[in-house]
Structure formats: C-alpha cells, structure tokens
Amino acid sequence: MASAQDVLGVAYSQLGYYAPSDPEPGSKYGRWLAALWGEDWLAGPSDQVWWCCLFVIWCLDAAGQDCPGFPTFNTDLAIANGASPRLVDPYDAESGDIFVCRRFS
C-alpha cells in the first residue's frame, strides 16, 4: 500500500505539465486510461476530456495504490463503481484524503 507521501510525490513530479502544451493529442493521463480501457476517445483532446480526475487516478496508479471505484475519468462514475465517499467539511480533510469538490450553479 502506498502512503499519502508516495502519491503526493508522484503528483509533485508532474509540476509543470500542461496538457494543452503536450505535443501529442489530449493529456498523457487521458492517453494512459484510453490505452488501459481501449477507449480512444479518452485520449482527448484535452479541452474536451476533463483530465483532473484522470490525473488523480494516474498518480494513484503510478504510486501503486488501489482505490475503490477507480480507475475512472469521472467522479460520478467512481462512486457508481464502488467508491464510498464521505461528505466532510473541507476543513476536516486529513493527509491522504482525496478531496473532490463539486460546484453547482
């Protein structure tokens, strides 16, 4: 099992990566899941496939950490696939928590 620091270290290694500047179509995180699932559409382009959740699951995978409901490209799908979210106040988040914020208009 990976530690929170392991996952954060993987995430830290990606500082400076910007999908729209990637010379290949889409994001490397979308291309990773597209190859894993055989779903070419997940590869992008990066302005059509939101890659925030893709980035999180890529980091978890790269650190060797399984997570219920993942991999997925969508937080709603993660919940449908077995993730069991706890609704907590953001101020109560702890090291190792994955914080997903939804904004409703």
PDB file of N, CA and C in Angstrom:
ATOM      1  N   MET A   1       0.841  -1.171   0.000  1.00  0.00           N
ATOM      2  CA  MET A   1       0.000   0.000   0.000  1.00  0.00           C
ATOM      3  C   MET A   1       0.892   1.242   0.000  1.00  0.00           C
ATOM      4  N   ALA A   2       0.574   2.146  -0.890  1.00  0.00           N
ATOM      5  CA  ALA A   2       1.334   3.396  -0.977  1.00  0.00           C
ATOM      6  C   ALA A   2       0.911   4.340   0.142  1.00  0.00           C
ATOM      7  N   SER A   3       1.828   5.159   0.562  1.00  0.00           N
ATOM      8  CA  SER A   3       1.492   6.177   1.563  1.00  0.00           C
ATOM      9  C   SER A   3       0.994   7.427   0.847  1.00  0.00           C
ATOM     10  N   ALA A   4       0.392   8.303   1.620  1.00  0.00           N
ATOM     11  CA  ALA A   4      -0.036   9.592   1.061  1.00  0.00           C
ATOM     12  C   ALA A   4       1.164  10.317   0.473  1.00  0.00           C
ATOM     13  N   GLN A   5       2.303  10.212   1.135  1.00  0.00           N
ATOM     14  CA  GLN A   5       3.509  10.875   0.637  1.00  0.00           C
ATOM     15  C   GLN A   5       3.970  10.285  -0.691  1.00  0.00           C
ATOM     16  N   ASP A   6       3.798   8.978  -0.879  1.00  0.00           N
ATOM     17  CA  ASP A   6       4.140   8.346  -2.161  1.00  0.00           C
ATOM     18  C   ASP A   6       3.306   8.943  -3.287  1.00  0.00           C
ATOM     19  N   VAL A   7       2.003   9.031  -3.050  1.00  0.00           N
ATOM     20  CA  VAL A   7       1.094   9.567  -4.068  1.00  0.00           C
ATOM     21  C   VAL A   7       1.392  11.041  -4.323  1.00  0.00           C
ATOM     22  N   LEU A   8       1.612  11.790  -3.262  1.00  0.00           N
ATOM     23  CA  LEU A   8       1.941  13.213  -3.426  1.00  0.00           C
ATOM     24  C   LEU A   8       3.268  13.397  -4.144  1.00  0.00           C
ATOM     25  N   GLY A   9       4.206  12.500  -3.930  1.00  0.00           N
ATOM     26  CA  GLY A   9       5.487  12.568  -4.639  1.00  0.00           C
ATOM     27  C   GLY A   9       5.312  12.384  -6.137  1.00  0.00           C
ATOM     28  N   VAL A  10       4.439  11.444  -6.513  1.00  0.00           N
ATOM     29  CA  VAL A  10       4.131  11.250  -7.935  1.00  0.00           C
ATOM     30  C   VAL A  10       3.483  12.519  -8.486  1.00  0.00           C
ATOM     31  N   ALA A  11       2.519  13.053  -7.757  1.00  0.00           N
ATOM     32  CA  ALA A  11       1.849  14.280  -8.206  1.00  0.00           C
ATOM     33  C   ALA A  11       2.856  15.421  -8.340  1.00  0.00           C
ATOM     34  N   TYR A  12       3.727  15.546  -7.374  1.00  0.00           N
ATOM     35  CA  TYR A  12       4.746  16.607  -7.396  1.00  0.00           C
ATOM     36  C   TYR A  12       5.638  16.477  -8.627  1.00  0.00           C
ATOM     37  N   SER A  13       5.904  15.250  -9.039  1.00  0.00           N
ATOM     38  CA  SER A  13       6.766  15.042 -10.213  1.00  0.00           C
ATOM     39  C   SER A  13       6.140  15.574 -11.493  1.00  0.00           C
ATOM     40  N   GLN A  14       4.840  15.865 -11.454  1.00  0.00           N
ATOM     41  CA  GLN A  14       4.143  16.338 -12.642  1.00  0.00           C
ATOM     42  C   GLN A  14       4.025  17.862 -12.710  1.00  0.00           C
ATOM     43  N   LEU A  15       4.560  18.541 -11.711  1.00  0.00           N
ATOM     44  CA  LEU A  15       4.529  20.009 -11.745  1.00  0.00           C
ATOM     45  C   LEU A  15       5.124  20.512 -13.049  1.00  0.00           C
ATOM     46  N   GLY A  16       4.434  21.416 -13.683  1.00  0.00           N
ATOM     47  CA  GLY A  16       4.896  21.981 -14.947  1.00  0.00           C
ATOM     48  C   GLY A  16       4.244  21.356 -16.166  1.00  0.00           C
ATOM     49  N   TYR A  17       3.632  20.169 -16.001  1.00  0.00           N
ATOM     50  CA  TYR A  17       2.952  19.551 -17.129  1.00  0.00           C
ATOM     51  C   TYR A  17       1.662  20.306 -17.403  1.00  0.00           C
ATOM     52  N   TYR A  18       1.413  20.616 -18.658  1.00  0.00           N
ATOM     53  CA  TYR A  18       0.215  21.342 -19.058  1.00  0.00           C
ATOM     54  C   TYR A  18      -0.320  20.684 -20.319  1.00  0.00           C
ATOM     55  N   ALA A  19      -1.463  20.009 -20.206  1.00  0.00           N
ATOM     56  CA  ALA A  19      -1.998  19.215 -21.310  1.00  0.00           C
ATOM     57  C   ALA A  19      -2.127  19.987 -22.619  1.00  0.00           C
ATOM     58  N   PRO A  20      -2.635  21.230 -22.615  1.00  0.00           N
ATOM     59  CA  PRO A  20      -2.742  21.932 -23.892  1.00  0.00           C
ATOM     60  C   PRO A  20      -1.399  22.160 -24.589  1.00  0.00           C
ATOM     61  N   SER A  21      -0.305  22.082 -23.840  1.00  0.00           N
ATOM     62  CA  SER A  21       1.022  22.244 -24.455  1.00  0.00           C
ATOM     63  C   SER A  21       1.649  20.909 -24.855  1.00  0.00           C
ATOM     64  N   ASP A  22       0.984  19.805 -24.555  1.00  0.00           N
ATOM     65  CA  ASP A  22       1.501  18.479 -24.885  1.00  0.00           C
ATOM     66  C   ASP A  22       1.532  18.339 -26.402  1.00  0.00           C
ATOM     67  N   PRO A  23       2.658  17.907 -26.975  1.00  0.00           N
ATOM     68  CA  PRO A  23       2.730  17.768 -28.432  1.00  0.00           C
ATOM     69  C   PRO A  23       1.847  16.645 -28.983  1.00  0.00           C
ATOM     70  N   GLU A  24       1.449  15.709 -28.139  1.00  0.00           N
ATOM     71  CA  GLU A  24       0.533  14.646 -28.561  1.00  0.00           C
ATOM     72  C   GLU A  24      -0.900  15.069 -28.224  1.00  0.00           C
ATOM     73  N   PRO A  25      -1.880  14.488 -28.895  1.00  0.00           N
ATOM     74  CA  PRO A  25      -3.273  14.870 -28.623  1.00  0.00           C
ATOM     75  C   PRO A  25      -3.675  14.543 -27.189  1.00  0.00           C
ATOM     76  N   GLY A  26      -4.506  15.375 -26.614  1.00  0.00           N
ATOM     77  CA  GLY A  26      -5.034  15.133 -25.276  1.00  0.00           C
ATOM     78  C   GLY A  26      -3.994  15.291 -24.186  1.00  0.00           C
ATOM     79  N   SER A  27      -4.229  14.610 -23.079  1.00  0.00           N
ATOM     80  CA  SER A  27      -3.283  14.630 -21.967  1.00  0.00           C
ATOM     81  C   SER A  27      -2.643  13.264 -21.831  1.00  0.00           C
ATOM     82  N   LYS A  28      -1.481  13.200 -21.212  1.00  0.00           N
ATOM     83  CA  LYS A  28      -0.855  11.891 -21.018  1.00  0.00           C
ATOM     84  C   LYS A  28      -1.687  11.020 -20.090  1.00  0.00           C
ATOM     85  N   TYR A  29      -2.460  11.642 -19.205  1.00  0.00           N
ATOM     86  CA  TYR A  29      -3.313  10.892 -18.295  1.00  0.00           C
ATOM     87  C   TYR A  29      -4.499  10.283 -19.050  1.00  0.00           C
ATOM     88  N   GLY A  30      -5.073  11.039 -19.970  1.00  0.00           N
ATOM     89  CA  GLY A  30      -6.153  10.519 -20.806  1.00  0.00           C
ATOM     90  C   GLY A  30      -5.662   9.429 -21.738  1.00  0.00           C
ATOM     91  N   ARG A  31      -4.467   9.616 -22.296  1.00  0.00           N
ATOM     92  CA  ARG A  31      -3.908   8.581 -23.175  1.00  0.00           C
ATOM     93  C   ARG A  31      -3.647   7.295 -22.399  1.00  0.00           C
ATOM     94  N   TRP A  32      -3.233   7.426 -21.141  1.00  0.00           N
ATOM     95  CA  TRP A  32      -2.982   6.268 -20.285  1.00  0.00           C
ATOM     96  C   TRP A  32      -4.271   5.474 -20.085  1.00  0.00           C
ATOM     97  N   LEU A  33      -5.363   6.154 -19.692  1.00  0.00           N
ATOM     98  CA  LEU A  33      -6.614   5.441 -19.462  1.00  0.00           C
ATOM     99  C   LEU A  33      -7.210   4.940 -20.770  1.00  0.00           C
ATOM    100  N   ALA A  34      -7.051   5.690 -21.846  1.00  0.00           N
ATOM    101  CA  ALA A  34      -7.532   5.236 -23.155  1.00  0.00           C
ATOM    102  C   ALA A  34      -6.871   3.917 -23.534  1.00  0.00           C
ATOM    103  N   ALA A  35      -5.574   3.812 -23.303  1.00  0.00           N
ATOM    104  CA  ALA A  35      -4.851   2.578 -23.612  1.00  0.00           C
ATOM    105  C   ALA A  35      -5.275   1.447 -22.673  1.00  0.00           C
ATOM    106  N   LEU A  36      -5.473   1.761 -21.393  1.00  0.00           N
ATOM    107  CA  LEU A  36      -5.864   0.764 -20.403  1.00  0.00           C
ATOM    108  C   LEU A  36      -7.243   0.181 -20.710  1.00  0.00           C
ATOM    109  N   TRP A  37      -8.175   1.036 -21.084  1.00  0.00           N
ATOM    110  CA  TRP A  37      -9.547   0.608 -21.343  1.00  0.00           C
ATOM    111  C   TRP A  37      -9.844   0.321 -22.814  1.00  0.00           C
ATOM    112  N   GLY A  38      -8.935   0.702 -23.723  1.00  0.00           N
ATOM    113  CA  GLY A  38      -9.216   0.557 -25.145  1.00  0.00           C
ATOM    114  C   GLY A  38     -10.283   1.518 -25.629  1.00  0.00           C
ATOM    115  N   GLU A  39     -10.370   2.667 -24.993  1.00  0.00           N
ATOM    116  CA  GLU A  39     -11.360   3.699 -25.326  1.00  0.00           C
ATOM    117  C   GLU A  39     -10.629   4.926 -25.856  1.00  0.00           C
ATOM    118  N   ASP A  40     -10.463   4.990 -27.171  1.00  0.00           N
ATOM    119  CA  ASP A  40      -9.669   6.051 -27.782  1.00  0.00           C
ATOM    120  C   ASP A  40     -10.149   7.455 -27.434  1.00  0.00           C
ATOM    121  N   TRP A  41     -11.458   7.646 -27.253  1.00  0.00           N
ATOM    122  CA  TRP A  41     -11.991   8.978 -27.008  1.00  0.00           C
ATOM    123  C   TRP A  41     -11.430   9.593 -25.728  1.00  0.00           C
ATOM    124  N   LEU A  42     -11.008   8.752 -24.769  1.00  0.00           N
ATOM    125  CA  LEU A  42     -10.459   9.287 -23.525  1.00  0.00           C
ATOM    126  C   LEU A  42      -9.125  10.000 -23.716  1.00  0.00           C
ATOM    127  N   ALA A  43      -8.479   9.744 -24.847  1.00  0.00           N
ATOM    128  CA  ALA A  43      -7.181  10.359 -25.093  1.00  0.00           C
ATOM    129  C   ALA A  43      -7.280  11.866 -25.313  1.00  0.00           C
ATOM    130  N   GLY A  44      -8.442  12.352 -25.624  1.00  0.00           N
ATOM    131  CA  GLY A  44      -8.572  13.799 -25.772  1.00  0.00           C
ATOM    132  C   GLY A  44      -9.262  14.168 -27.059  1.00  0.00           C
ATOM    133  N   PRO A  45      -9.217  15.403 -27.415  1.00  0.00           N
ATOM    134  CA  PRO A  45      -8.314  16.469 -26.992  1.00  0.00           C
ATOM    135  C   PRO A  45      -8.590  16.974 -25.571  1.00  0.00           C
ATOM    136  N   SER A  46      -7.576  17.593 -24.988  1.00  0.00           N
ATOM    137  CA  SER A  46      -7.624  17.958 -23.581  1.00  0.00           C
ATOM    138  C   SER A  46      -8.681  19.013 -23.273  1.00  0.00           C
ATOM    139  N   ASP A  47      -9.170  19.730 -24.270  1.00  0.00           N
ATOM    140  CA  ASP A  47     -10.216  20.711 -23.991  1.00  0.00           C
ATOM    141  C   ASP A  47     -11.612  20.082 -24.088  1.00  0.00           C
ATOM    142  N   GLN A  48     -11.667  18.774 -24.386  1.00  0.00           N
ATOM    143  CA  GLN A  48     -12.956  18.081 -24.467  1.00  0.00           C
ATOM    144  C   GLN A  48     -13.091  16.971 -23.430  1.00  0.00           C
ATOM    145  N   VAL A  49     -11.985  16.483 -22.906  1.00  0.00           N
ATOM    146  CA  VAL A  49     -11.998  15.472 -21.855  1.00  0.00           C
ATOM    147  C   VAL A  49     -11.330  16.088 -20.639  1.00  0.00           C
ATOM    148  N   TRP A  50     -12.125  16.341 -19.606  1.00  0.00           N
ATOM    149  CA  TRP A  50     -11.555  16.934 -18.395  1.00  0.00           C
ATOM    150  C   TRP A  50     -10.588  15.943 -17.785  1.00  0.00           C
ATOM    151  N   TRP A  51      -9.424  16.391 -17.474  1.00  0.00           N
ATOM    152  CA  TRP A  51      -8.396  15.457 -17.043  1.00  0.00           C
ATOM    153  C   TRP A  51      -8.012  15.593 -15.586  1.00  0.00           C
ATOM    154  N   CYS A  52      -8.792  16.296 -14.789  1.00  0.00           N
ATOM    155  CA  CYS A  52      -8.464  16.424 -13.365  1.00  0.00           C
ATOM    156  C   CYS A  52      -8.574  15.077 -12.648  1.00  0.00           C
ATOM    157  N   CYS A  53      -9.668  14.353 -12.849  1.00  0.00           N
ATOM    158  CA  CYS A  53      -9.832  13.043 -12.224  1.00  0.00           C
ATOM    159  C   CYS A  53      -8.835  12.051 -12.827  1.00  0.00           C
ATOM    160  N   LEU A  54      -8.596  12.160 -14.123  1.00  0.00           N
ATOM    161  CA  LEU A  54      -7.604  11.304 -14.773  1.00  0.00           C
ATOM    162  C   LEU A  54      -6.242  11.472 -14.131  1.00  0.00           C
ATOM    163  N   PHE A  55      -5.885  12.708 -13.806  1.00  0.00           N
ATOM    164  CA  PHE A  55      -4.599  12.976 -13.166  1.00  0.00           C
ATOM    165  C   PHE A  55      -4.520  12.277 -11.802  1.00  0.00           C
ATOM    166  N   VAL A  56      -5.575  12.373 -11.019  1.00  0.00           N
ATOM    167  CA  VAL A  56      -5.576  11.768  -9.684  1.00  0.00           C
ATOM    168  C   VAL A  56      -5.404  10.257  -9.785  1.00  0.00           C
ATOM    169  N   ILE A  57      -6.168   9.603 -10.658  1.00  0.00           N
ATOM    170  CA  ILE A  57      -6.054   8.147 -10.745  1.00  0.00           C
ATOM    171  C   ILE A  57      -4.719   7.720 -11.342  1.00  0.00           C
ATOM    172  N   TRP A  58      -4.156   8.541 -12.238  1.00  0.00           N
ATOM    173  CA  TRP A  58      -2.836   8.242 -12.779  1.00  0.00           C
ATOM    174  C   TRP A  58      -1.807   8.274 -11.659  1.00  0.00           C
ATOM    175  N   CYS A  59      -1.899   9.276 -10.789  1.00  0.00           N
ATOM    176  CA  CYS A  59      -0.976   9.379  -9.652  1.00  0.00           C
ATOM    177  C   CYS A  59      -1.123   8.187  -8.714  1.00  0.00           C
ATOM    178  N   LEU A  60      -2.371   7.804  -8.414  1.00  0.00           N
ATOM    179  CA  LEU A  60      -2.598   6.640  -7.560  1.00  0.00           C
ATOM    180  C   LEU A  60      -1.974   5.388  -8.176  1.00  0.00           C
ATOM    181  N   ASP A  61      -2.207   5.190  -9.468  1.00  0.00           N
ATOM    182  CA  ASP A  61      -1.666   4.021 -10.152  1.00  0.00           C
ATOM    183  C   ASP A  61      -0.140   4.045 -10.176  1.00  0.00           C
ATOM    184  N   ALA A  62       0.422   5.203 -10.493  1.00  0.00           N
ATOM    185  CA  ALA A  62       1.879   5.312 -10.573  1.00  0.00           C
ATOM    186  C   ALA A  62       2.534   5.052  -9.215  1.00  0.00           C
ATOM    187  N   ALA A  63       1.817   5.359  -8.133  1.00  0.00           N
ATOM    188  CA  ALA A  63       2.336   5.109  -6.787  1.00  0.00           C
ATOM    189  C   ALA A  63       2.041   3.679  -6.323  1.00  0.00           C
ATOM    190  N   GLY A  64       1.261   2.934  -7.117  1.00  0.00           N
ATOM    191  CA  GLY A  64       0.931   1.562  -6.754  1.00  0.00           C
ATOM    192  C   GLY A  64      -0.205   1.453  -5.758  1.00  0.00           C
ATOM    193  N   GLN A  65      -1.085   2.446  -5.741  1.00  0.00           N
ATOM    194  CA  GLN A  65      -2.188   2.453  -4.786  1.00  0.00           C
ATOM    195  C   GLN A  65      -3.512   2.142  -5.466  1.00  0.00           C
ATOM    196  N   ASP A  66      -4.169   1.064  -5.034  1.00  0.00           N
ATOM    197  CA  ASP A  66      -5.527   0.767  -5.492  1.00  0.00           C
ATOM    198  C   ASP A  66      -6.491   1.687  -4.771  1.00  0.00           C
ATOM    199  N   CYS A  67      -7.604   1.971  -5.421  1.00  0.00           N
ATOM    200  CA  CYS A  67      -8.612   2.823  -4.823  1.00  0.00           C
ATOM    201  C   CYS A  67      -9.975   2.351  -5.321  1.00  0.00           C
ATOM    202  N   PRO A  68     -10.907   2.008  -4.410  1.00  0.00           N
ATOM    203  CA  PRO A  68     -12.229   1.532  -4.840  1.00  0.00           C
ATOM    204  C   PRO A  68     -12.918   2.538  -5.762  1.00  0.00           C
ATOM    205  N   GLY A  69     -13.488   2.013  -6.856  1.00  0.00           N
ATOM    206  CA  GLY A  69     -14.192   2.868  -7.804  1.00  0.00           C
ATOM    207  C   GLY A  69     -13.319   3.404  -8.918  1.00  0.00           C
ATOM    208  N   PHE A  70     -12.022   3.217  -8.799  1.00  0.00           N
ATOM    209  CA  PHE A  70     -11.090   3.725  -9.801  1.00  0.00           C
ATOM    210  C   PHE A  70     -10.443   2.554 -10.509  1.00  0.00           C
ATOM    211  N   PRO A  71      -9.904   2.683 -11.694  1.00  0.00           N
ATOM    212  CA  PRO A  71      -9.732   3.940 -12.422  1.00  0.00           C
ATOM    213  C   PRO A  71     -11.021   4.389 -13.087  1.00  0.00           C
ATOM    214  N   THR A  72     -11.117   5.662 -13.276  1.00  0.00           N
ATOM    215  CA  THR A  72     -12.229   6.264 -13.995  1.00  0.00           C
ATOM    216  C   THR A  72     -11.828   7.660 -14.444  1.00  0.00           C
ATOM    217  N   PHE A  73     -12.618   8.218 -15.310  1.00  0.00           N
ATOM    218  CA  PHE A  73     -12.383   9.569 -15.788  1.00  0.00           C
ATOM    219  C   PHE A  73     -13.358  10.544 -15.142  1.00  0.00           C
ATOM    220  N   ASN A  74     -14.235  10.043 -14.280  1.00  0.00           N
ATOM    221  CA  ASN A  74     -15.354  10.839 -13.808  1.00  0.00           C
ATOM    222  C   ASN A  74     -15.661  10.473 -12.364  1.00  0.00           C
ATOM    223  N   THR A  75     -15.761  11.452 -11.492  1.00  0.00           N
ATOM    224  CA  THR A  75     -16.019  11.159 -10.086  1.00  0.00           C
ATOM    225  C   THR A  75     -17.371  10.498  -9.868  1.00  0.00           C
ATOM    226  N   ASP A  76     -18.386  10.856 -10.647  1.00  0.00           N
ATOM    227  CA  ASP A  76     -19.686  10.186 -10.520  1.00  0.00           C
ATOM    228  C   ASP A  76     -19.574   8.709 -10.863  1.00  0.00           C
ATOM    229  N   LEU A  77     -18.773   8.392 -11.875  1.00  0.00           N
ATOM    230  CA  LEU A  77     -18.570   7.004 -12.260  1.00  0.00           C
ATOM    231  C   LEU A  77     -17.798   6.258 -11.182  1.00  0.00           C
ATOM    232  N   ALA A  78     -16.861   6.920 -10.530  1.00  0.00           N
ATOM    233  CA  ALA A  78     -16.122   6.294  -9.434  1.00  0.00           C
ATOM    234  C   ALA A  78     -17.079   5.864  -8.333  1.00  0.00           C
ATOM    235  N   ILE A  79     -18.019   6.738  -8.010  1.00  0.00           N
ATOM    236  CA  ILE A  79     -18.993   6.417  -6.969  1.00  0.00           C
ATOM    237  C   ILE A  79     -19.868   5.245  -7.413  1.00  0.00           C
ATOM    238  N   ALA A  80     -20.295   5.254  -8.663  1.00  0.00           N
ATOM    239  CA  ALA A  80     -21.119   4.169  -9.195  1.00  0.00           C
ATOM    240  C   ALA A  80     -20.352   2.846  -9.212  1.00  0.00           C
ATOM    241  N   ASN A  81     -19.018   2.906  -9.350  1.00  0.00           N
ATOM    242  CA  ASN A  81     -18.197   1.701  -9.437  1.00  0.00           C
ATOM    243  C   ASN A  81     -17.686   1.214  -8.089  1.00  0.00           C
ATOM    244  N   GLY A  82     -18.157   1.805  -7.006  1.00  0.00           N
ATOM    245  CA  GLY A  82     -17.790   1.248  -5.712  1.00  0.00           C
ATOM    246  C   GLY A  82     -17.075   2.165  -4.754  1.00  0.00           C
ATOM    247  N   ALA A  83     -16.699   3.358  -5.177  1.00  0.00           N
ATOM    248  CA  ALA A  83     -16.105   4.294  -4.228  1.00  0.00           C
ATOM    249  C   ALA A  83     -17.178   4.676  -3.225  1.00  0.00           C
ATOM    250  N   SER A  84     -16.809   4.785  -1.982  1.00  0.00           N
ATOM    251  CA  SER A  84     -17.801   5.149  -0.965  1.00  0.00           C
ATOM    252  C   SER A  84     -17.397   6.479  -0.342  1.00  0.00           C
ATOM    253  N   PRO A  85     -17.868   7.551  -0.945  1.00  0.00           N
ATOM    254  CA  PRO A  85     -17.441   8.871  -0.461  1.00  0.00           C
ATOM    255  C   PRO A  85     -18.039   9.204   0.891  1.00  0.00           C
ATOM    256  N   ARG A  86     -17.276   9.930   1.639  1.00  0.00           N
ATOM    257  CA  ARG A  86     -17.766  10.505   2.884  1.00  0.00           C
ATOM    258  C   ARG A  86     -17.842  11.998   2.664  1.00  0.00           C
ATOM    259  N   LEU A  87     -18.956  12.569   2.999  1.00  0.00           N
ATOM    260  CA  LEU A  87     -19.077  14.008   2.886  1.00  0.00           C
ATOM    261  C   LEU A  87     -18.552  14.623   4.165  1.00  0.00           C
ATOM    262  N   VAL A  88     -17.504  15.404   4.026  1.00  0.00           N
ATOM    263  CA  VAL A  88     -16.901  16.057   5.179  1.00  0.00           C
ATOM    264  C   VAL A  88     -16.685  17.524   4.861  1.00  0.00           C
ATOM    265  N   ASP A  89     -16.602  18.285   5.882  1.00  0.00           N
ATOM    266  CA  ASP A  89     -16.265  19.688   5.728  1.00  0.00           C
ATOM    267  C   ASP A  89     -14.828  19.761   5.209  1.00  0.00           C
ATOM    268  N   PRO A  90     -14.554  20.591   4.209  1.00  0.00           N
ATOM    269  CA  PRO A  90     -13.183  20.679   3.680  1.00  0.00           C
ATOM    270  C   PRO A  90     -12.146  20.976   4.764  1.00  0.00           C
ATOM    271  N   TYR A  91     -12.544  21.639   5.812  1.00  0.00           N
ATOM    272  CA  TYR A  91     -11.605  21.962   6.882  1.00  0.00           C
ATOM    273  C   TYR A  91     -11.245  20.744   7.724  1.00  0.00           C
ATOM    274  N   ASP A  92     -11.991  19.642   7.540  1.00  0.00           N
ATOM    275  CA  ASP A  92     -11.703  18.417   8.272  1.00  0.00           C
ATOM    276  C   ASP A  92     -10.888  17.422   7.449  1.00  0.00           C
ATOM    277  N   ALA A  93     -10.497  17.792   6.235  1.00  0.00           N
ATOM    278  CA  ALA A  93      -9.693  16.903   5.394  1.00  0.00           C
ATOM    279  C   ALA A  93      -8.368  16.610   6.088  1.00  0.00           C
ATOM    280  N   GLU A  94      -7.908  15.372   5.918  1.00  0.00           N
ATOM    281  CA  GLU A  94      -6.665  14.933   6.535  1.00  0.00           C
ATOM    282  C   GLU A  94      -5.682  14.479   5.467  1.00  0.00           C
ATOM    283  N   SER A  95      -4.429  14.370   5.836  1.00  0.00           N
ATOM    284  CA  SER A  95      -3.403  13.885   4.927  1.00  0.00           C
ATOM    285  C   SER A  95      -3.817  12.532   4.377  1.00  0.00           C
ATOM    286  N   GLY A  96      -3.763  12.382   3.068  1.00  0.00           N
ATOM    287  CA  GLY A  96      -4.147  11.139   2.415  1.00  0.00           C
ATOM    288  C   GLY A  96      -5.556  11.138   1.874  1.00  0.00           C
ATOM    289  N   ASP A  97      -6.367  12.123   2.255  1.00  0.00           N
ATOM    290  CA  ASP A  97      -7.725  12.211   1.722  1.00  0.00           C
ATOM    291  C   ASP A  97      -7.687  12.707   0.281  1.00  0.00           C
ATOM    292  N   ILE A  98      -8.606  12.211  -0.517  1.00  0.00           N
ATOM    293  CA  ILE A  98      -8.816  12.754  -1.853  1.00  0.00           C
ATOM    294  C   ILE A  98     -10.051  13.619  -1.755  1.00  0.00           C
ATOM    295  N   PHE A  99      -9.883  14.868  -2.034  1.00  0.00           N
ATOM    296  CA  PHE A  99     -10.951  15.847  -1.868  1.00  0.00           C
ATOM    297  C   PHE A  99     -11.523  16.177  -3.238  1.00  0.00           C
ATOM    298  N   VAL A 100     -12.802  15.901  -3.419  1.00  0.00           N
ATOM    299  CA  VAL A 100     -13.479  16.200  -4.664  1.00  0.00           C
ATOM    300  C   VAL A 100     -14.527  17.259  -4.364  1.00  0.00           C
ATOM    301  N   CYS A 101     -14.450  18.334  -5.090  1.00  0.00           N
ATOM    302  CA  CYS A 101     -15.376  19.439  -4.871  1.00  0.00           C
ATOM    303  C   CYS A 101     -16.248  19.579  -6.103  1.00  0.00           C
ATOM    304  N   ARG A 102     -17.537  19.635  -5.895  1.00  0.00           N
ATOM    305  CA  ARG A 102     -18.459  19.889  -6.988  1.00  0.00           C
ATOM    306  C   ARG A 102     -18.987  21.288  -6.839  1.00  0.00           C
ATOM    307  N   ARG A 103     -19.053  21.964  -7.945  1.00  0.00           N
ATOM    308  CA  ARG A 103     -19.592  23.312  -7.937  1.00  0.00           C
ATOM    309  C   ARG A 103     -20.885  23.310  -8.728  1.00  0.00           C
ATOM    310  N   PHE A 104     -21.933  23.682  -8.103  1.00  0.00           N
ATOM    311  CA  PHE A 104     -23.227  23.759  -8.756  1.00  0.00           C
ATOM    312  C   PHE A 104     -23.562  25.212  -8.996  1.00  0.00           C
ATOM    313  N   SER A 105     -24.163  25.493 -10.148  1.00  0.00           N
ATOM    314  CA  SER A 105     -24.534  26.880 -10.430  1.00  0.00           C
ATOM    315  C   SER A 105     -25.986  27.124 -10.096  1.00  0.00           C
TER     316      SER A 105
END
